[in-house]
Amino acid sequence: MTQTGTDHKTHTPFLSRPGVRRLVPFALITAIALVFIFENRTSVEIRLLVPMVTMPLWGALLIAWGLGVLACVFTVRRRSNRHSRRPR
């Protein structure tokens, strides 16, 4: 049997795949942010509009980081949906 040029699939290198190229920077930034967050272990007073709350700094930073990730997820999802609905 002979093989034609269209029968075999080309192998895409792992780091050049679009999903991996988007995930690697996110994973690096997340790792750096989590190290920074968990190294700050002192207690701080935080004003939440009216009440004063005493909590570990890592907890406040983790909450802020989580809210930032959620904002990014909703923004990216909304942007991709908006572009897919555009008439051609």
PDB file of N, CA and C in Angstrom:
ATOM      1  N   MET A   1       0.830  -1.179   0.000  1.00  0.00           N
ATOM      2  CA  MET A   1       0.000   0.000   0.000  1.00  0.00           C
ATOM      3  C   MET A   1       0.869   1.234   0.000  1.00  0.00           C
ATOM      4  N   THR A   2       0.429   2.205  -0.708  1.00  0.00           N
ATOM      5  CA  THR A   2       1.159   3.467  -0.732  1.00  0.00           C
ATOM      6  C   THR A   2       0.346   4.523   0.001  1.00  0.00           C
ATOM      7  N   GLN A   3       1.037   5.437   0.626  1.00  0.00           N
ATOM      8  CA  GLN A   3       0.350   6.515   1.340  1.00  0.00           C
ATOM      9  C   GLN A   3       0.379   7.774   0.490  1.00  0.00           C
ATOM     10  N   THR A   4      -0.718   8.454   0.494  1.00  0.00           N
ATOM     11  CA  THR A   4      -0.748   9.742  -0.190  1.00  0.00           C
ATOM     12  C   THR A   4      -0.432  10.836   0.812  1.00  0.00           C
ATOM     13  N   GLY A   5      -0.182  12.026   0.341  1.00  0.00           N
ATOM     14  CA  GLY A   5       0.193  13.141   1.210  1.00  0.00           C
ATOM     15  C   GLY A   5      -0.938  13.602   2.111  1.00  0.00           C
ATOM     16  N   THR A   6      -2.174  13.272   1.779  1.00  0.00           N
ATOM     17  CA  THR A   6      -3.301  13.740   2.588  1.00  0.00           C
ATOM     18  C   THR A   6      -3.727  12.733   3.639  1.00  0.00           C
ATOM     19  N   ASP A   7      -3.189  11.529   3.631  1.00  0.00           N
ATOM     20  CA  ASP A   7      -3.614  10.492   4.567  1.00  0.00           C
ATOM     21  C   ASP A   7      -3.076  10.709   5.982  1.00  0.00           C
ATOM     22  N   HIS A   8      -1.875  11.181   6.121  1.00  0.00           N
ATOM     23  CA  HIS A   8      -1.304  11.324   7.459  1.00  0.00           C
ATOM     24  C   HIS A   8      -1.575  12.728   8.009  1.00  0.00           C
ATOM     25  N   LYS A   9      -1.752  12.782   9.306  1.00  0.00           N
ATOM     26  CA  LYS A   9      -2.017  14.060   9.964  1.00  0.00           C
ATOM     27  C   LYS A   9      -0.703  14.649  10.444  1.00  0.00           C
ATOM     28  N   THR A  10      -0.576  15.944  10.310  1.00  0.00           N
ATOM     29  CA  THR A  10       0.634  16.597  10.800  1.00  0.00           C
ATOM     30  C   THR A  10       0.525  16.776  12.307  1.00  0.00           C
ATOM     31  N   HIS A  11       1.639  16.651  12.988  1.00  0.00           N
ATOM     32  CA  HIS A  11       1.678  16.779  14.443  1.00  0.00           C
ATOM     33  C   HIS A  11       1.967  18.227  14.805  1.00  0.00           C
ATOM     34  N   THR A  12       1.050  18.862  15.548  1.00  0.00           N
ATOM     35  CA  THR A  12       1.250  20.230  15.999  1.00  0.00           C
ATOM     36  C   THR A  12       2.029  20.208  17.308  1.00  0.00           C
ATOM     37  N   PRO A  13       3.130  20.940  17.391  1.00  0.00           N
ATOM     38  CA  PRO A  13       3.883  20.983  18.655  1.00  0.00           C
ATOM     39  C   PRO A  13       3.003  21.486  19.798  1.00  0.00           C
ATOM     40  N   PHE A  14       3.264  20.979  20.990  1.00  0.00           N
ATOM     41  CA  PHE A  14       2.408  21.264  22.146  1.00  0.00           C
ATOM     42  C   PHE A  14       2.324  22.753  22.446  1.00  0.00           C
ATOM     43  N   LEU A  15       3.444  23.460  22.455  1.00  0.00           N
ATOM     44  CA  LEU A  15       3.442  24.880  22.828  1.00  0.00           C
ATOM     45  C   LEU A  15       2.897  25.797  21.747  1.00  0.00           C
ATOM     46  N   SER A  16       2.691  25.294  20.544  1.00  0.00           N
ATOM     47  CA  SER A  16       2.147  26.160  19.497  1.00  0.00           C
ATOM     48  C   SER A  16       0.643  26.003  19.328  1.00  0.00           C
ATOM     49  N   ARG A  17       0.023  25.178  20.156  1.00  0.00           N
ATOM     50  CA  ARG A  17      -1.432  25.043  20.104  1.00  0.00           C
ATOM     51  C   ARG A  17      -2.066  26.282  20.729  1.00  0.00           C
ATOM     52  N   PRO A  18      -3.147  26.810  20.156  1.00  0.00           N
ATOM     53  CA  PRO A  18      -3.746  28.053  20.665  1.00  0.00           C
ATOM     54  C   PRO A  18      -4.200  27.973  22.118  1.00  0.00           C
ATOM     55  N   GLY A  19      -4.770  26.857  22.520  1.00  0.00           N
ATOM     56  CA  GLY A  19      -5.228  26.725  23.908  1.00  0.00           C
ATOM     57  C   GLY A  19      -4.082  26.773  24.894  1.00  0.00           C
ATOM     58  N   VAL A  20      -2.982  26.137  24.554  1.00  0.00           N
ATOM     59  CA  VAL A  20      -1.813  26.117  25.432  1.00  0.00           C
ATOM     60  C   VAL A  20      -1.168  27.492  25.473  1.00  0.00           C
ATOM     61  N   ARG A  21      -1.119  28.173  24.348  1.00  0.00           N
ATOM     62  CA  ARG A  21      -0.501  29.501  24.304  1.00  0.00           C
ATOM     63  C   ARG A  21      -1.264  30.496  25.158  1.00  0.00           C
ATOM     64  N   ARG A  22      -2.563  30.316  25.320  1.00  0.00           N
ATOM     65  CA  ARG A  22      -3.337  31.192  26.199  1.00  0.00           C
ATOM     66  C   ARG A  22      -3.239  30.769  27.654  1.00  0.00           C
ATOM     67  N   LEU A  23      -3.057  29.487  27.905  1.00  0.00           N
ATOM     68  CA  LEU A  23      -3.057  28.975  29.262  1.00  0.00           C
ATOM     69  C   LEU A  23      -1.726  29.178  29.985  1.00  0.00           C
ATOM     70  N   VAL A  24      -0.621  29.134  29.280  1.00  0.00           N
ATOM     71  CA  VAL A  24       0.701  29.248  29.909  1.00  0.00           C
ATOM     72  C   VAL A  24       0.881  30.592  30.619  1.00  0.00           C
ATOM     73  N   PRO A  25       0.606  31.745  29.987  1.00  0.00           N
ATOM     74  CA  PRO A  25       0.762  33.011  30.728  1.00  0.00           C
ATOM     75  C   PRO A  25      -0.169  33.095  31.936  1.00  0.00           C
ATOM     76  N   PHE A  26      -1.398  32.597  31.794  1.00  0.00           N
ATOM     77  CA  PHE A  26      -2.331  32.606  32.919  1.00  0.00           C
ATOM     78  C   PHE A  26      -1.793  31.775  34.072  1.00  0.00           C
ATOM     79  N   ALA A  27      -1.245  30.611  33.775  1.00  0.00           N
ATOM     80  CA  ALA A  27      -0.709  29.736  34.825  1.00  0.00           C
ATOM     81  C   ALA A  27       0.494  30.382  35.512  1.00  0.00           C
ATOM     82  N   LEU A  28       1.369  31.028  34.756  1.00  0.00           N
ATOM     83  CA  LEU A  28       2.531  31.694  35.353  1.00  0.00           C
ATOM     84  C   LEU A  28       2.125  32.855  36.251  1.00  0.00           C
ATOM     85  N   ILE A  29       1.227  33.693  35.768  1.00  0.00           N
ATOM     86  CA  ILE A  29       0.779  34.841  36.567  1.00  0.00           C
ATOM     87  C   ILE A  29       0.037  34.363  37.806  1.00  0.00           C
ATOM     88  N   THR A  30      -0.771  33.322  37.676  1.00  0.00           N
ATOM     89  CA  THR A  30      -1.490  32.772  38.815  1.00  0.00           C
ATOM     90  C   THR A  30      -0.529  32.233  39.866  1.00  0.00           C
ATOM     91  N   ALA A  31       0.497  31.519  39.436  1.00  0.00           N
ATOM     92  CA  ALA A  31       1.471  30.973  40.385  1.00  0.00           C
ATOM     93  C   ALA A  31       2.196  32.092  41.133  1.00  0.00           C
ATOM     94  N   ILE A  32       2.610  33.119  40.417  1.00  0.00           N
ATOM     95  CA  ILE A  32       3.298  34.248  41.057  1.00  0.00           C
ATOM     96  C   ILE A  32       2.363  34.969  42.019  1.00  0.00           C
ATOM     97  N   ALA A  33       1.115  35.181  41.606  1.00  0.00           N
ATOM     98  CA  ALA A  33       0.150  35.865  42.470  1.00  0.00           C
ATOM     99  C   ALA A  33      -0.135  35.063  43.733  1.00  0.00           C
ATOM    100  N   LEU A  34      -0.285  33.750  43.600  1.00  0.00           N
ATOM    101  CA  LEU A  34      -0.570  32.923  44.779  1.00  0.00           C
ATOM    102  C   LEU A  34       0.613  32.878  45.741  1.00  0.00           C
ATOM    103  N   VAL A  35       1.831  32.857  45.222  1.00  0.00           N
ATOM    104  CA  VAL A  35       3.005  32.921  46.105  1.00  0.00           C
ATOM    105  C   VAL A  35       3.012  34.248  46.854  1.00  0.00           C
ATOM    106  N   PHE A  36       2.754  35.344  46.152  1.00  0.00           N
ATOM    107  CA  PHE A  36       2.703  36.660  46.789  1.00  0.00           C
ATOM    108  C   PHE A  36       1.610  36.717  47.852  1.00  0.00           C
ATOM    109  N   ILE A  37       0.444  36.176  47.526  1.00  0.00           N
ATOM    110  CA  ILE A  37      -0.691  36.209  48.454  1.00  0.00           C
ATOM    111  C   ILE A  37      -0.375  35.441  49.730  1.00  0.00           C
ATOM    112  N   PHE A  38       0.125  34.226  49.602  1.00  0.00           N
ATOM    113  CA  PHE A  38       0.325  33.394  50.781  1.00  0.00           C
ATOM    114  C   PHE A  38       1.583  33.743  51.565  1.00  0.00           C
ATOM    115  N   GLU A  39       2.454  34.593  51.034  1.00  0.00           N
ATOM    116  CA  GLU A  39       3.609  35.064  51.799  1.00  0.00           C
ATOM    117  C   GLU A  39       3.235  36.239  52.707  1.00  0.00           C
ATOM    118  N   ASN A  40       2.116  36.885  52.468  1.00  0.00           N
ATOM    119  CA  ASN A  40       1.657  38.002  53.293  1.00  0.00           C
ATOM    120  C   ASN A  40       0.665  37.474  54.320  1.00  0.00           C
ATOM    121  N   ARG A  41       1.181  37.136  55.500  1.00  0.00           N
ATOM    122  CA  ARG A  41       0.356  36.444  56.491  1.00  0.00           C
ATOM    123  C   ARG A  41      -0.018  37.308  57.690  1.00  0.00           C
ATOM    124  N   THR A  42       0.313  38.580  57.694  1.00  0.00           N
ATOM    125  CA  THR A  42      -0.007  39.417  58.851  1.00  0.00           C
ATOM    126  C   THR A  42      -1.491  39.760  58.855  1.00  0.00           C
ATOM    127  N   SER A  43      -2.008  40.122  60.020  1.00  0.00           N
ATOM    128  CA  SER A  43      -3.407  40.549  60.127  1.00  0.00           C
ATOM    129  C   SER A  43      -3.499  42.048  59.873  1.00  0.00           C
ATOM    130  N   VAL A  44      -4.531  42.449  59.181  1.00  0.00           N
ATOM    131  CA  VAL A  44      -4.750  43.860  58.861  1.00  0.00           C
ATOM    132  C   VAL A  44      -6.200  44.219  59.151  1.00  0.00           C
ATOM    133  N   GLU A  45      -6.431  45.520  59.357  1.00  0.00           N
ATOM    134  CA  GLU A  45      -7.804  46.022  59.506  1.00  0.00           C
ATOM    135  C   GLU A  45      -8.253  46.587  58.168  1.00  0.00           C
ATOM    136  N   ILE A  46      -9.422  46.155  57.728  1.00  0.00           N
ATOM    137  CA  ILE A  46      -9.953  46.586  56.442  1.00  0.00           C
ATOM    138  C   ILE A  46     -11.326  47.190  56.675  1.00  0.00           C
ATOM    139  N   ARG A  47     -11.560  48.352  56.079  1.00  0.00           N
ATOM    140  CA  ARG A  47     -12.882  48.984  56.192  1.00  0.00           C
ATOM    141  C   ARG A  47     -13.721  48.540  54.994  1.00  0.00           C
ATOM    142  N   LEU A  48     -14.840  47.886  55.275  1.00  0.00           N
ATOM    143  CA  LEU A  48     -15.793  47.474  54.251  1.00  0.00           C
ATOM    144  C   LEU A  48     -17.000  48.393  54.317  1.00  0.00           C
ATOM    145  N   LEU A  49     -16.908  49.522  53.660  1.00  0.00           N
ATOM    146  CA  LEU A  49     -17.890  50.615  53.688  1.00  0.00           C
ATOM    147  C   LEU A  49     -18.076  51.121  55.114  1.00  0.00           C
ATOM    148  N   VAL A  50     -18.772  50.429  55.973  1.00  0.00           N
ATOM    149  CA  VAL A  50     -18.982  50.901  57.340  1.00  0.00           C
ATOM    150  C   VAL A  50     -18.195  50.078  58.359  1.00  0.00           C
ATOM    151  N   PRO A  51     -18.307  48.755  58.376  1.00  0.00           N
ATOM    152  CA  PRO A  51     -17.627  47.999  59.440  1.00  0.00           C
ATOM    153  C   PRO A  51     -16.116  47.880  59.205  1.00  0.00           C
ATOM    154  N   MET A  52     -15.391  47.787  60.316  1.00  0.00           N
ATOM    155  CA  MET A  52     -13.960  47.500  60.267  1.00  0.00           C
ATOM    156  C   MET A  52     -13.791  46.008  60.515  1.00  0.00           C
ATOM    157  N   VAL A  53     -13.048  45.335  59.651  1.00  0.00           N
ATOM    158  CA  VAL A  53     -12.847  43.899  59.748  1.00  0.00           C
ATOM    159  C   VAL A  53     -11.354  43.639  59.922  1.00  0.00           C
ATOM    160  N   THR A  54     -11.002  42.791  60.886  1.00  0.00           N
ATOM    161  CA  THR A  54      -9.619  42.359  61.043  1.00  0.00           C
ATOM    162  C   THR A  54      -9.507  40.959  60.464  1.00  0.00           C
ATOM    163  N   MET A  55      -8.630  40.818  59.491  1.00  0.00           N
ATOM    164  CA  MET A  55      -8.454  39.529  58.829  1.00  0.00           C
ATOM    165  C   MET A  55      -7.024  39.411  58.336  1.00  0.00           C
ATOM    166  N   PRO A  56      -6.575  38.195  58.041  1.00  0.00           N
ATOM    167  CA  PRO A  56      -5.231  38.036  57.484  1.00  0.00           C
ATOM    168  C   PRO A  56      -5.132  38.706  56.113  1.00  0.00           C
ATOM    169  N   LEU A  57      -3.991  39.294  55.840  1.00  0.00           N
ATOM    170  CA  LEU A  57      -3.797  39.975  54.564  1.00  0.00           C
ATOM    171  C   LEU A  57      -3.931  38.997  53.394  1.00  0.00           C
ATOM    172  N   TRP A  58      -3.497  37.740  53.591  1.00  0.00           N
ATOM    173  CA  TRP A  58      -3.598  36.781  52.498  1.00  0.00           C
ATOM    174  C   TRP A  58      -5.056  36.543  52.117  1.00  0.00           C
ATOM    175  N   GLY A  59      -5.968  36.595  53.091  1.00  0.00           N
ATOM    176  CA  GLY A  59      -7.389  36.406  52.801  1.00  0.00           C
ATOM    177  C   GLY A  59      -7.943  37.545  51.956  1.00  0.00           C
ATOM    178  N   ALA A  60      -7.579  38.771  52.314  1.00  0.00           N
ATOM    179  CA  ALA A  60      -8.045  39.931  51.547  1.00  0.00           C
ATOM    180  C   ALA A  60      -7.476  39.910  50.126  1.00  0.00           C
ATOM    181  N   LEU A  61      -6.196  39.568  50.008  1.00  0.00           N
ATOM    182  CA  LEU A  61      -5.579  39.498  48.681  1.00  0.00           C
ATOM    183  C   LEU A  61      -6.183  38.378  47.846  1.00  0.00           C
ATOM    184  N   LEU A  62      -6.488  37.255  48.474  1.00  0.00           N
ATOM    185  CA  LEU A  62      -7.085  36.135  47.753  1.00  0.00           C
ATOM    186  C   LEU A  62      -8.492  36.490  47.257  1.00  0.00           C
ATOM    187  N   ILE A  63      -9.250  37.192  48.068  1.00  0.00           N
ATOM    188  CA  ILE A  63     -10.586  37.632  47.645  1.00  0.00           C
ATOM    189  C   ILE A  63     -10.480  38.602  46.479  1.00  0.00           C
ATOM    190  N   ALA A  64      -9.554  39.560  46.558  1.00  0.00           N
ATOM    191  CA  ALA A  64      -9.378  40.523  45.471  1.00  0.00           C
ATOM    192  C   ALA A  64      -8.922  39.818  44.191  1.00  0.00           C
ATOM    193  N   TRP A  65      -8.020  38.847  44.313  1.00  0.00           N
ATOM    194  CA  TRP A  65      -7.545  38.102  43.148  1.00  0.00           C
ATOM    195  C   TRP A  65      -8.691  37.306  42.519  1.00  0.00           C
ATOM    196  N   GLY A  66      -9.497  36.655  43.354  1.00  0.00           N
ATOM    197  CA  GLY A  66     -10.627  35.882  42.846  1.00  0.00           C
ATOM    198  C   GLY A  66     -11.640  36.751  42.119  1.00  0.00           C
ATOM    199  N   LEU A  67     -11.921  37.929  42.669  1.00  0.00           N
ATOM    200  CA  LEU A  67     -12.846  38.840  41.994  1.00  0.00           C
ATOM    201  C   LEU A  67     -12.274  39.323  40.660  1.00  0.00           C
ATOM    202  N   GLY A  68     -10.970  39.531  40.609  1.00  0.00           N
ATOM    203  CA  GLY A  68     -10.330  39.923  39.355  1.00  0.00           C
ATOM    204  C   GLY A  68     -10.405  38.833  38.306  1.00  0.00           C
ATOM    205  N   VAL A  69     -10.200  37.579  38.720  1.00  0.00           N
ATOM    206  CA  VAL A  69     -10.297  36.450  37.781  1.00  0.00           C
ATOM    207  C   VAL A  69     -11.733  36.323  37.265  1.00  0.00           C
ATOM    208  N   LEU A  70     -12.714  36.467  38.148  1.00  0.00           N
ATOM    209  CA  LEU A  70     -14.114  36.402  37.709  1.00  0.00           C
ATOM    210  C   LEU A  70     -14.450  37.513  36.722  1.00  0.00           C
ATOM    211  N   ALA A  71     -13.953  38.713  36.989  1.00  0.00           N
ATOM    212  CA  ALA A  71     -14.196  39.826  36.073  1.00  0.00           C
ATOM    213  C   ALA A  71     -13.584  39.540  34.704  1.00  0.00           C
ATOM    214  N   CYS A  72     -12.391  38.962  34.678  1.00  0.00           N
ATOM    215  CA  CYS A  72     -11.748  38.619  33.402  1.00  0.00           C
ATOM    216  C   CYS A  72     -12.522  37.540  32.661  1.00  0.00           C
ATOM    217  N   VAL A  73     -12.983  36.543  33.383  1.00  0.00           N
ATOM    218  CA  VAL A  73     -13.728  35.449  32.740  1.00  0.00           C
ATOM    219  C   VAL A  73     -15.004  35.981  32.107  1.00  0.00           C
ATOM    220  N   PHE A  74     -15.735  36.812  32.828  1.00  0.00           N
ATOM    221  CA  PHE A  74     -16.980  37.353  32.280  1.00  0.00           C
ATOM    222  C   PHE A  74     -16.713  38.291  31.114  1.00  0.00           C
ATOM    223  N   THR A  75     -15.632  39.056  31.172  1.00  0.00           N
ATOM    224  CA  THR A  75     -15.296  39.969  30.088  1.00  0.00           C
ATOM    225  C   THR A  75     -14.911  39.206  28.834  1.00  0.00           C
ATOM    226  N   VAL A  76     -14.075  38.177  28.966  1.00  0.00           N
ATOM    227  CA  VAL A  76     -13.651  37.405  27.802  1.00  0.00           C
ATOM    228  C   VAL A  76     -14.825  36.643  27.212  1.00  0.00           C
ATOM    229  N   ARG A  77     -15.663  36.066  28.040  1.00  0.00           N
ATOM    230  CA  ARG A  77     -16.826  35.329  27.547  1.00  0.00           C
ATOM    231  C   ARG A  77     -17.774  36.273  26.807  1.00  0.00           C
ATOM    232  N   ARG A  78     -18.006  37.449  27.339  1.00  0.00           N
ATOM    233  CA  ARG A  78     -18.911  38.398  26.704  1.00  0.00           C
ATOM    234  C   ARG A  78     -18.339  38.868  25.372  1.00  0.00           C
ATOM    235  N   ARG A  79     -17.031  39.133  25.328  1.00  0.00           N
ATOM    236  CA  ARG A  79     -16.406  39.601  24.100  1.00  0.00           C
ATOM    237  C   ARG A  79     -16.476  38.533  23.013  1.00  0.00           C
ATOM    238  N   SER A  80     -16.243  37.260  23.350  1.00  0.00           N
ATOM    239  CA  SER A  80     -16.285  36.204  22.339  1.00  0.00           C
ATOM    240  C   SER A  80     -17.711  35.990  21.844  1.00  0.00           C
ATOM    241  N   ASN A  81     -18.713  36.119  22.717  1.00  0.00           N
ATOM    242  CA  ASN A  81     -20.105  35.976  22.283  1.00  0.00           C
ATOM    243  C   ASN A  81     -20.507  37.122  21.369  1.00  0.00           C
ATOM    244  N   ARG A  82     -20.032  38.311  21.655  1.00  0.00           N
ATOM    245  CA  ARG A  82     -20.394  39.473  20.858  1.00  0.00           C
ATOM    246  C   ARG A  82     -19.830  39.338  19.449  1.00  0.00           C
ATOM    247  N   HIS A  83     -18.600  38.843  19.310  1.00  0.00           N
ATOM    248  CA  HIS A  83     -17.997  38.711  17.994  1.00  0.00           C
ATOM    249  C   HIS A  83     -18.623  37.581  17.192  1.00  0.00           C
ATOM    250  N   SER A  84     -19.118  36.564  17.855  1.00  0.00           N
ATOM    251  CA  SER A  84     -19.708  35.447  17.117  1.00  0.00           C
ATOM    252  C   SER A  84     -21.086  35.799  16.564  1.00  0.00           C
ATOM    253  N   ARG A  85     -21.746  36.796  17.093  1.00  0.00           N
ATOM    254  CA  ARG A  85     -23.083  37.175  16.632  1.00  0.00           C
ATOM    255  C   ARG A  85     -23.050  38.179  15.484  1.00  0.00           C
ATOM    256  N   ARG A  86     -21.873  38.694  15.150  1.00  0.00           N
ATOM    257  CA  ARG A  86     -21.783  39.730  14.141  1.00  0.00           C
ATOM    258  C   ARG A  86     -22.213  39.191  12.779  1.00  0.00           C
ATOM    259  N   PRO A  87     -23.111  39.912  12.086  1.00  0.00           N
ATOM    260  CA  PRO A  87     -23.542  39.436  10.751  1.00  0.00           C
ATOM    261  C   PRO A  87     -22.405  39.573   9.743  1.00  0.00           C
ATOM    262  N   ARG A  88     -22.419  38.708   8.748  1.00  0.00           N
ATOM    263  CA  ARG A  88     -21.354  38.736   7.724  1.00  0.00           C
ATOM    264  C   ARG A  88     -21.847  39.300   6.442  1.00  0.00           C
TER     265      ARG A  88
END
